[in-house]
Each structure stands twice: as structure tokens, then as C-alpha cells.
Amino acid sequence: MTKRPLSPVYILFYILFWPDTWRFLMGAVVAVLLVPHILKPEMNIVQATMLHVMVACIGYVVAAKPAAGISHWLKRRILGKSAP
């Protein structure tokens, strides 16, 4: 099997079909939406940042199955029958 040339389109589709892309995105969205509701006014910037990171990591872990489903759906939708 020959190696594909590295092109911007190849990189774009690799990122689009990579399940971790969707896990990162879902973790960040969960952190942005959830942390303001649990953030206490007396927390300083370091504590608030740590809370964002912890909630984003939890969101990343929880999003494993949905992210795999999204990635698989996109592969079938875009690549059609040739998708694995």
C-alpha cells in the first residue's frame, strides 16, 4: 500500500474523522456550560482554571461513545460505502 501525500485536505479529513477531535470539543463545551454554575465567587483564577480543566477532562472521558458514533457516522456519510 502506498503512502498518501500529506495535503491540507488529508489533514482536514483526518481531524474530522478522528474521534478524539469530538471528545475534545465535547469536553470543552461541557466545561464552558457547566463551570459557571458551580464556580464560587471566592475562587481565584488558579482554582477556576483548575475547575475548568477537571470538568473538561470529565467531559472528554464521558464523550467516548458519542464521539466514536459521530466519527463513524461522518465516515459513512462522507465516504459512503468505501468507509471502514
PDB file of N, CA and C in Angstrom:
ATOM      1  N   MET A   1       0.842  -1.170   0.000  1.00  0.00           N
ATOM      2  CA  MET A   1       0.000   0.000   0.000  1.00  0.00           C
ATOM      3  C   MET A   1       0.896   1.245   0.000  1.00  0.00           C
ATOM      4  N   THR A   2       0.605   2.168  -0.875  1.00  0.00           N
ATOM      5  CA  THR A   2       1.412   3.378  -0.955  1.00  0.00           C
ATOM      6  C   THR A   2       0.960   4.389   0.078  1.00  0.00           C
ATOM      7  N   LYS A   3       1.893   5.211   0.494  1.00  0.00           N
ATOM      8  CA  LYS A   3       1.595   6.234   1.490  1.00  0.00           C
ATOM      9  C   LYS A   3       0.972   7.446   0.800  1.00  0.00           C
ATOM     10  N   ARG A   4      -0.092   7.983   1.400  1.00  0.00           N
ATOM     11  CA  ARG A   4      -0.761   9.150   0.827  1.00  0.00           C
ATOM     12  C   ARG A   4       0.060  10.410   1.077  1.00  0.00           C
ATOM     13  N   PRO A   5       0.039  11.321   0.114  1.00  0.00           N
ATOM     14  CA  PRO A   5       0.759  12.581   0.341  1.00  0.00           C
ATOM     15  C   PRO A   5       0.030  13.422   1.390  1.00  0.00           C
ATOM     16  N   LEU A   6       0.816  14.129   2.170  1.00  0.00           N
ATOM     17  CA  LEU A   6       0.255  14.962   3.220  1.00  0.00           C
ATOM     18  C   LEU A   6      -0.212  16.277   2.613  1.00  0.00           C
ATOM     19  N   SER A   7      -1.523  16.475   2.567  1.00  0.00           N
ATOM     20  CA  SER A   7      -2.093  17.688   1.997  1.00  0.00           C
ATOM     21  C   SER A   7      -3.052  18.308   3.001  1.00  0.00           C
ATOM     22  N   PRO A   8      -3.420  19.571   2.824  1.00  0.00           N
ATOM     23  CA  PRO A   8      -4.372  20.196   3.747  1.00  0.00           C
ATOM     24  C   PRO A   8      -5.718  19.471   3.813  1.00  0.00           C
ATOM     25  N   VAL A   9      -6.180  18.967   2.683  1.00  0.00           N
ATOM     26  CA  VAL A   9      -7.465  18.251   2.669  1.00  0.00           C
ATOM     27  C   VAL A   9      -7.350  16.947   3.455  1.00  0.00           C
ATOM     28  N   TYR A  10      -6.221  16.240   3.293  1.00  0.00           N
ATOM     29  CA  TYR A  10      -5.998  14.996   4.033  1.00  0.00           C
ATOM     30  C   TYR A  10      -5.986  15.274   5.536  1.00  0.00           C
ATOM     31  N   ILE A  11      -5.306  16.333   5.952  1.00  0.00           N
ATOM     32  CA  ILE A  11      -5.243  16.703   7.368  1.00  0.00           C
ATOM     33  C   ILE A  11      -6.626  17.075   7.885  1.00  0.00           C
ATOM     34  N   LEU A  12      -7.394  17.833   7.097  1.00  0.00           N
ATOM     35  CA  LEU A  12      -8.748  18.228   7.491  1.00  0.00           C
ATOM     36  C   LEU A  12      -9.630  17.001   7.712  1.00  0.00           C
ATOM     37  N   PHE A  13      -9.605  16.059   6.777  1.00  0.00           N
ATOM     38  CA  PHE A  13     -10.437  14.872   6.933  1.00  0.00           C
ATOM     39  C   PHE A  13      -9.946  13.979   8.061  1.00  0.00           C
ATOM     40  N   TYR A  14      -8.645  13.930   8.268  1.00  0.00           N
ATOM     41  CA  TYR A  14      -8.122  13.162   9.393  1.00  0.00           C
ATOM     42  C   TYR A  14      -8.644  13.730  10.706  1.00  0.00           C
ATOM     43  N   ILE A  15      -8.599  15.045  10.841  1.00  0.00           N
ATOM     44  CA  ILE A  15      -9.104  15.694  12.058  1.00  0.00           C
ATOM     45  C   ILE A  15     -10.608  15.489  12.182  1.00  0.00           C
ATOM     46  N   LEU A  16     -11.334  15.584  11.096  1.00  0.00           N
ATOM     47  CA  LEU A  16     -12.789  15.429  11.110  1.00  0.00           C
ATOM     48  C   LEU A  16     -13.204  14.013  11.503  1.00  0.00           C
ATOM     49  N   PHE A  17     -12.466  13.005  11.026  1.00  0.00           N
ATOM     50  CA  PHE A  17     -12.819  11.609  11.298  1.00  0.00           C
ATOM     51  C   PHE A  17     -12.203  11.064  12.574  1.00  0.00           C
ATOM     52  N   TRP A  18     -11.347  11.807  13.223  1.00  0.00           N
ATOM     53  CA  TRP A  18     -10.673  11.361  14.432  1.00  0.00           C
ATOM     54  C   TRP A  18     -11.631  11.505  15.621  1.00  0.00           C
ATOM     55  N   PRO A  19     -11.978  10.436  16.334  1.00  0.00           N
ATOM     56  CA  PRO A  19     -12.923  10.537  17.454  1.00  0.00           C
ATOM     57  C   PRO A  19     -12.456  11.479  18.568  1.00  0.00           C
ATOM     58  N   ASP A  20     -11.146  11.580  18.767  1.00  0.00           N
ATOM     59  CA  ASP A  20     -10.651  12.465  19.831  1.00  0.00           C
ATOM     60  C   ASP A  20     -10.963  13.929  19.561  1.00  0.00           C
ATOM     61  N   THR A  21     -11.086  14.317  18.302  1.00  0.00           N
ATOM     62  CA  THR A  21     -11.491  15.695  17.984  1.00  0.00           C
ATOM     63  C   THR A  21     -12.836  15.995  18.620  1.00  0.00           C
ATOM     64  N   TRP A  22     -13.753  15.078  18.460  1.00  0.00           N
ATOM     65  CA  TRP A  22     -15.098  15.275  19.004  1.00  0.00           C
ATOM     66  C   TRP A  22     -15.101  15.170  20.520  1.00  0.00           C
ATOM     67  N   ARG A  23     -14.229  14.328  21.073  1.00  0.00           N
ATOM     68  CA  ARG A  23     -14.124  14.232  22.532  1.00  0.00           C
ATOM     69  C   ARG A  23     -13.591  15.532  23.119  1.00  0.00           C
ATOM     70  N   PHE A  24     -12.542  16.098  22.504  1.00  0.00           N
ATOM     71  CA  PHE A  24     -12.005  17.384  22.961  1.00  0.00           C
ATOM     72  C   PHE A  24     -13.074  18.468  22.895  1.00  0.00           C
ATOM     73  N   LEU A  25     -13.782  18.513  21.775  1.00  0.00           N
ATOM     74  CA  LEU A  25     -14.812  19.530  21.581  1.00  0.00           C
ATOM     75  C   LEU A  25     -15.938  19.388  22.608  1.00  0.00           C
ATOM     76  N   MET A  26     -16.411  18.173  22.830  1.00  0.00           N
ATOM     77  CA  MET A  26     -17.484  17.959  23.810  1.00  0.00           C
ATOM     78  C   MET A  26     -17.027  18.264  25.227  1.00  0.00           C
ATOM     79  N   GLY A  27     -15.801  17.898  25.571  1.00  0.00           N
ATOM     80  CA  GLY A  27     -15.274  18.225  26.891  1.00  0.00           C
ATOM     81  C   GLY A  27     -15.191  19.724  27.116  1.00  0.00           C
ATOM     82  N   ALA A  28     -14.742  20.460  26.103  1.00  0.00           N
ATOM     83  CA  ALA A  28     -14.656  21.917  26.219  1.00  0.00           C
ATOM     84  C   ALA A  28     -16.038  22.546  26.344  1.00  0.00           C
ATOM     85  N   VAL A  29     -16.988  22.054  25.576  1.00  0.00           N
ATOM     86  CA  VAL A  29     -18.353  22.594  25.644  1.00  0.00           C
ATOM     87  C   VAL A  29     -18.972  22.329  27.014  1.00  0.00           C
ATOM     88  N   VAL A  30     -18.778  21.128  27.537  1.00  0.00           N
ATOM     89  CA  VAL A  30     -19.302  20.796  28.864  1.00  0.00           C
ATOM     90  C   VAL A  30     -18.692  21.725  29.913  1.00  0.00           C
ATOM     91  N   ALA A  31     -17.388  21.964  29.830  1.00  0.00           N
ATOM     92  CA  ALA A  31     -16.726  22.838  30.803  1.00  0.00           C
ATOM     93  C   ALA A  31     -17.247  24.264  30.701  1.00  0.00           C
ATOM     94  N   VAL A  32     -17.394  24.768  29.497  1.00  0.00           N
ATOM     95  CA  VAL A  32     -17.866  26.143  29.317  1.00  0.00           C
ATOM     96  C   VAL A  32     -19.306  26.304  29.816  1.00  0.00           C
ATOM     97  N   LEU A  33     -20.131  25.297  29.600  1.00  0.00           N
ATOM     98  CA  LEU A  33     -21.533  25.393  30.013  1.00  0.00           C
ATOM     99  C   LEU A  33     -21.751  25.096  31.492  1.00  0.00           C
ATOM    100  N   LEU A  34     -20.970  24.189  32.061  1.00  0.00           N
ATOM    101  CA  LEU A  34     -21.228  23.718  33.413  1.00  0.00           C
ATOM    102  C   LEU A  34     -20.484  24.507  34.495  1.00  0.00           C
ATOM    103  N   VAL A  35     -19.257  24.890  34.248  1.00  0.00           N
ATOM    104  CA  VAL A  35     -18.437  25.515  35.287  1.00  0.00           C
ATOM    105  C   VAL A  35     -19.016  26.818  35.828  1.00  0.00           C
ATOM    106  N   PRO A  36     -19.581  27.701  35.015  1.00  0.00           N
ATOM    107  CA  PRO A  36     -20.150  28.918  35.611  1.00  0.00           C
ATOM    108  C   PRO A  36     -21.230  28.654  36.664  1.00  0.00           C
ATOM    109  N   HIS A  37     -21.884  27.502  36.584  1.00  0.00           N
ATOM    110  CA  HIS A  37     -22.927  27.172  37.559  1.00  0.00           C
ATOM    111  C   HIS A  37     -22.357  26.635  38.869  1.00  0.00           C
ATOM    112  N   ILE A  38     -21.129  26.106  38.837  1.00  0.00           N
ATOM    113  CA  ILE A  38     -20.549  25.544  40.058  1.00  0.00           C
ATOM    114  C   ILE A  38     -19.377  26.368  40.585  1.00  0.00           C
ATOM    115  N   LEU A  39     -19.044  27.427  39.901  1.00  0.00           N
ATOM    116  CA  LEU A  39     -17.943  28.303  40.309  1.00  0.00           C
ATOM    117  C   LEU A  39     -18.385  29.166  41.489  1.00  0.00           C
ATOM    118  N   LYS A  40     -17.559  29.219  42.521  1.00  0.00           N
ATOM    119  CA  LYS A  40     -17.872  30.032  43.702  1.00  0.00           C
ATOM    120  C   LYS A  40     -17.178  31.384  43.577  1.00  0.00           C
ATOM    121  N   PRO A  41     -17.795  32.450  44.069  1.00  0.00           N
ATOM    122  CA  PRO A  41     -17.207  33.791  43.925  1.00  0.00           C
ATOM    123  C   PRO A  41     -15.848  33.945  44.615  1.00  0.00           C
ATOM    124  N   GLU A  42     -15.603  33.194  45.661  1.00  0.00           N
ATOM    125  CA  GLU A  42     -14.336  33.340  46.381  1.00  0.00           C
ATOM    126  C   GLU A  42     -13.170  32.598  45.718  1.00  0.00           C
ATOM    127  N   MET A  43     -13.421  31.893  44.625  1.00  0.00           N
ATOM    128  CA  MET A  43     -12.353  31.169  43.924  1.00  0.00           C
ATOM    129  C   MET A  43     -11.480  32.144  43.139  1.00  0.00           C
ATOM    130  N   ASN A  44     -10.166  31.935  43.239  1.00  0.00           N
ATOM    131  CA  ASN A  44      -9.264  32.774  42.460  1.00  0.00           C
ATOM    132  C   ASN A  44      -9.098  32.186  41.058  1.00  0.00           C
ATOM    133  N   ILE A  45      -8.274  32.824  40.224  1.00  0.00           N
ATOM    134  CA  ILE A  45      -8.132  32.418  38.825  1.00  0.00           C
ATOM    135  C   ILE A  45      -7.515  31.024  38.683  1.00  0.00           C
ATOM    136  N   VAL A  46      -6.604  30.664  39.577  1.00  0.00           N
ATOM    137  CA  VAL A  46      -5.980  29.341  39.516  1.00  0.00           C
ATOM    138  C   VAL A  46      -7.012  28.261  39.824  1.00  0.00           C
ATOM    139  N   GLN A  47      -7.818  28.478  40.834  1.00  0.00           N
ATOM    140  CA  GLN A  47      -8.844  27.500  41.197  1.00  0.00           C
ATOM    141  C   GLN A  47      -9.905  27.389  40.099  1.00  0.00           C
ATOM    142  N   ALA A  48     -10.293  28.505  39.534  1.00  0.00           N
ATOM    143  CA  ALA A  48     -11.290  28.484  38.457  1.00  0.00           C
ATOM    144  C   ALA A  48     -10.741  27.764  37.222  1.00  0.00           C
ATOM    145  N   THR A  49      -9.481  28.005  36.899  1.00  0.00           N
ATOM    146  CA  THR A  49      -8.864  27.331  35.757  1.00  0.00           C
ATOM    147  C   THR A  49      -8.787  25.830  36.006  1.00  0.00           C
ATOM    148  N   MET A  50      -8.397  25.458  37.208  1.00  0.00           N
ATOM    149  CA  MET A  50      -8.315  24.037  37.551  1.00  0.00           C
ATOM    150  C   MET A  50      -9.691  23.374  37.459  1.00  0.00           C
ATOM    151  N   LEU A  51     -10.717  24.071  37.882  1.00  0.00           N
ATOM    152  CA  LEU A  51     -12.075  23.538  37.790  1.00  0.00           C
ATOM    153  C   LEU A  51     -12.472  23.347  36.328  1.00  0.00           C
ATOM    154  N   HIS A  52     -12.140  24.313  35.468  1.00  0.00           N
ATOM    155  CA  HIS A  52     -12.423  24.172  34.042  1.00  0.00           C
ATOM    156  C   HIS A  52     -11.703  22.950  33.462  1.00  0.00           C
ATOM    157  N   VAL A  53     -10.442  22.791  33.809  1.00  0.00           N
ATOM    158  CA  VAL A  53      -9.663  21.657  33.287  1.00  0.00           C
ATOM    159  C   VAL A  53     -10.246  20.332  33.775  1.00  0.00           C
ATOM    160  N   MET A  54     -10.592  20.246  35.053  1.00  0.00           N
ATOM    161  CA  MET A  54     -11.147  18.996  35.595  1.00  0.00           C
ATOM    162  C   MET A  54     -12.474  18.641  34.938  1.00  0.00           C
ATOM    163  N   VAL A  55     -13.364  19.622  34.774  1.00  0.00           N
ATOM    164  CA  VAL A  55     -14.660  19.346  34.151  1.00  0.00           C
ATOM    165  C   VAL A  55     -14.474  18.997  32.668  1.00  0.00           C
ATOM    166  N   ALA A  56     -13.529  19.656  31.994  1.00  0.00           N
ATOM    167  CA  ALA A  56     -13.258  19.321  30.593  1.00  0.00           C
ATOM    168  C   ALA A  56     -12.734  17.895  30.470  1.00  0.00           C
ATOM    169  N   CYS A  57     -11.887  17.465  31.384  1.00  0.00           N
ATOM    170  CA  CYS A  57     -11.377  16.091  31.362  1.00  0.00           C
ATOM    171  C   CYS A  57     -12.487  15.085  31.617  1.00  0.00           C
ATOM    172  N   ILE A  58     -13.366  15.393  32.537  1.00  0.00           N
ATOM    173  CA  ILE A  58     -14.508  14.506  32.794  1.00  0.00           C
ATOM    174  C   ILE A  58     -15.401  14.438  31.557  1.00  0.00           C
ATOM    175  N   GLY A  59     -15.645  15.579  30.922  1.00  0.00           N
ATOM    176  CA  GLY A  59     -16.434  15.599  29.689  1.00  0.00           C
ATOM    177  C   GLY A  59     -15.775  14.804  28.577  1.00  0.00           C
ATOM    178  N   TYR A  60     -14.448  14.878  28.489  1.00  0.00           N
ATOM    179  CA  TYR A  60     -13.693  14.121  27.487  1.00  0.00           C
ATOM    180  C   TYR A  60     -13.895  12.617  27.683  1.00  0.00           C
ATOM    181  N   VAL A  61     -13.825  12.171  28.921  1.00  0.00           N
ATOM    182  CA  VAL A  61     -13.971  10.742  29.212  1.00  0.00           C
ATOM    183  C   VAL A  61     -15.395  10.272  28.944  1.00  0.00           C
ATOM    184  N   VAL A  62     -16.362  11.056  29.347  1.00  0.00           N
ATOM    185  CA  VAL A  62     -17.765  10.670  29.180  1.00  0.00           C
ATOM    186  C   VAL A  62     -18.170  10.657  27.698  1.00  0.00           C
ATOM    187  N   ALA A  63     -17.514  11.457  26.883  1.00  0.00           N
ATOM    188  CA  ALA A  63     -17.893  11.590  25.478  1.00  0.00           C
ATOM    189  C   ALA A  63     -17.293  10.516  24.578  1.00  0.00           C
ATOM    190  N   ALA A  64     -16.700   9.477  25.122  1.00  0.00           N
ATOM    191  CA  ALA A  64     -16.029   8.461  24.296  1.00  0.00           C
ATOM    192  C   ALA A  64     -16.981   7.782  23.313  1.00  0.00           C
ATOM    193  N   LYS A  65     -18.082   7.261  23.790  1.00  0.00           N
ATOM    194  CA  LYS A  65     -19.024   6.547  22.915  1.00  0.00           C
ATOM    195  C   LYS A  65     -19.715   7.491  21.923  1.00  0.00           C
ATOM    196  N   PRO A  66     -20.246   8.646  22.371  1.00  0.00           N
ATOM    197  CA  PRO A  66     -20.861   9.554  21.392  1.00  0.00           C
ATOM    198  C   PRO A  66     -19.874  10.033  20.334  1.00  0.00           C
ATOM    199  N   ALA A  67     -18.631  10.290  20.714  1.00  0.00           N
ATOM    200  CA  ALA A  67     -17.634  10.767  19.756  1.00  0.00           C
ATOM    201  C   ALA A  67     -17.317   9.685  18.720  1.00  0.00           C
ATOM    202  N   ALA A  68     -17.216   8.444  19.155  1.00  0.00           N
ATOM    203  CA  ALA A  68     -16.982   7.349  18.210  1.00  0.00           C
ATOM    204  C   ALA A  68     -18.158   7.219  17.247  1.00  0.00           C
ATOM    205  N   GLY A  69     -19.365   7.402  17.765  1.00  0.00           N
ATOM    206  CA  GLY A  69     -20.555   7.347  16.912  1.00  0.00           C
ATOM    207  C   GLY A  69     -20.585   8.466  15.896  1.00  0.00           C
ATOM    208  N   ILE A  70     -20.237   9.677  16.316  1.00  0.00           N
ATOM    209  CA  ILE A  70     -20.199  10.816  15.393  1.00  0.00           C
ATOM    210  C   ILE A  70     -19.150  10.583  14.314  1.00  0.00           C
ATOM    211  N   SER A  71     -17.983  10.132  14.711  1.00  0.00           N
ATOM    212  CA  SER A  71     -16.904   9.874  13.760  1.00  0.00           C
ATOM    213  C   SER A  71     -17.306   8.793  12.750  1.00  0.00           C
ATOM    214  N   HIS A  72     -17.895   7.729  13.236  1.00  0.00           N
ATOM    215  CA  HIS A  72     -18.335   6.653  12.349  1.00  0.00           C
ATOM    216  C   HIS A  72     -19.435   7.144  11.409  1.00  0.00           C
ATOM    217  N   TRP A  73     -20.368   7.919  11.911  1.00  0.00           N
ATOM    218  CA  TRP A  73     -21.451   8.456  11.089  1.00  0.00           C
ATOM    219  C   TRP A  73     -20.904   9.358   9.988  1.00  0.00           C
ATOM    220  N   LEU A  74     -19.933  10.224  10.343  1.00  0.00           N
ATOM    221  CA  LEU A  74     -19.333  11.109   9.344  1.00  0.00           C
ATOM    222  C   LEU A  74     -18.589  10.315   8.274  1.00  0.00           C
ATOM    223  N   LYS A  75     -17.894   9.264   8.680  1.00  0.00           N
ATOM    224  CA  LYS A  75     -17.190   8.430   7.703  1.00  0.00           C
ATOM    225  C   LYS A  75     -18.177   7.808   6.723  1.00  0.00           C
ATOM    226  N   ARG A  76     -19.266   7.250   7.250  1.00  0.00           N
ATOM    227  CA  ARG A  76     -20.271   6.646   6.366  1.00  0.00           C
ATOM    228  C   ARG A  76     -20.928   7.687   5.480  1.00  0.00           C
ATOM    229  N   ARG A  77     -21.218   8.854   6.045  1.00  0.00           N
ATOM    230  CA  ARG A  77     -21.926   9.912   5.318  1.00  0.00           C
ATOM    231  C   ARG A  77     -21.055  10.505   4.206  1.00  0.00           C
ATOM    232  N   ILE A  78     -19.787  10.773   4.527  1.00  0.00           N
ATOM    233  CA  ILE A  78     -18.916  11.448   3.566  1.00  0.00           C
ATOM    234  C   ILE A  78     -18.259  10.448   2.604  1.00  0.00           C
ATOM    235  N   LEU A  79     -17.762   9.335   3.135  1.00  0.00           N
ATOM    236  CA  LEU A  79     -17.045   8.385   2.300  1.00  0.00           C
ATOM    237  C   LEU A  79     -17.954   7.364   1.629  1.00  0.00           C
ATOM    238  N   GLY A  80     -19.142   7.201   2.147  1.00  0.00           N
ATOM    239  CA  GLY A  80     -20.090   6.265   1.552  1.00  0.00           C
ATOM    240  C   GLY A  80     -19.727   4.820   1.832  1.00  0.00           C
ATOM    241  N   LYS A  81     -19.895   3.974   0.845  1.00  0.00           N
ATOM    242  CA  LYS A  81     -19.685   2.532   1.016  1.00  0.00           C
ATOM    243  C   LYS A  81     -18.222   2.161   1.208  1.00  0.00           C
ATOM    244  N   SER A  82     -17.304   3.054   0.848  1.00  0.00           N
ATOM    245  CA  SER A  82     -15.887   2.722   0.984  1.00  0.00           C
ATOM    246  C   SER A  82     -15.386   2.913   2.415  1.00  0.00           C
ATOM    247  N   ALA A  83     -16.236   3.417   3.315  1.00  0.00           N
ATOM    248  CA  ALA A  83     -15.828   3.656   4.694  1.00  0.00           C
ATOM    249  C   ALA A  83     -15.670   2.335   5.441  1.00  0.00           C
ATOM    250  N   PRO A  84     -14.674   2.242   6.319  1.00  0.00           N
ATOM    251  CA  PRO A  84     -14.476   1.003   7.093  1.00  0.00           C
ATOM    252  C   PRO A  84     -15.540   0.798   8.136  1.00  0.00           C
TER     253      PRO A  84
END
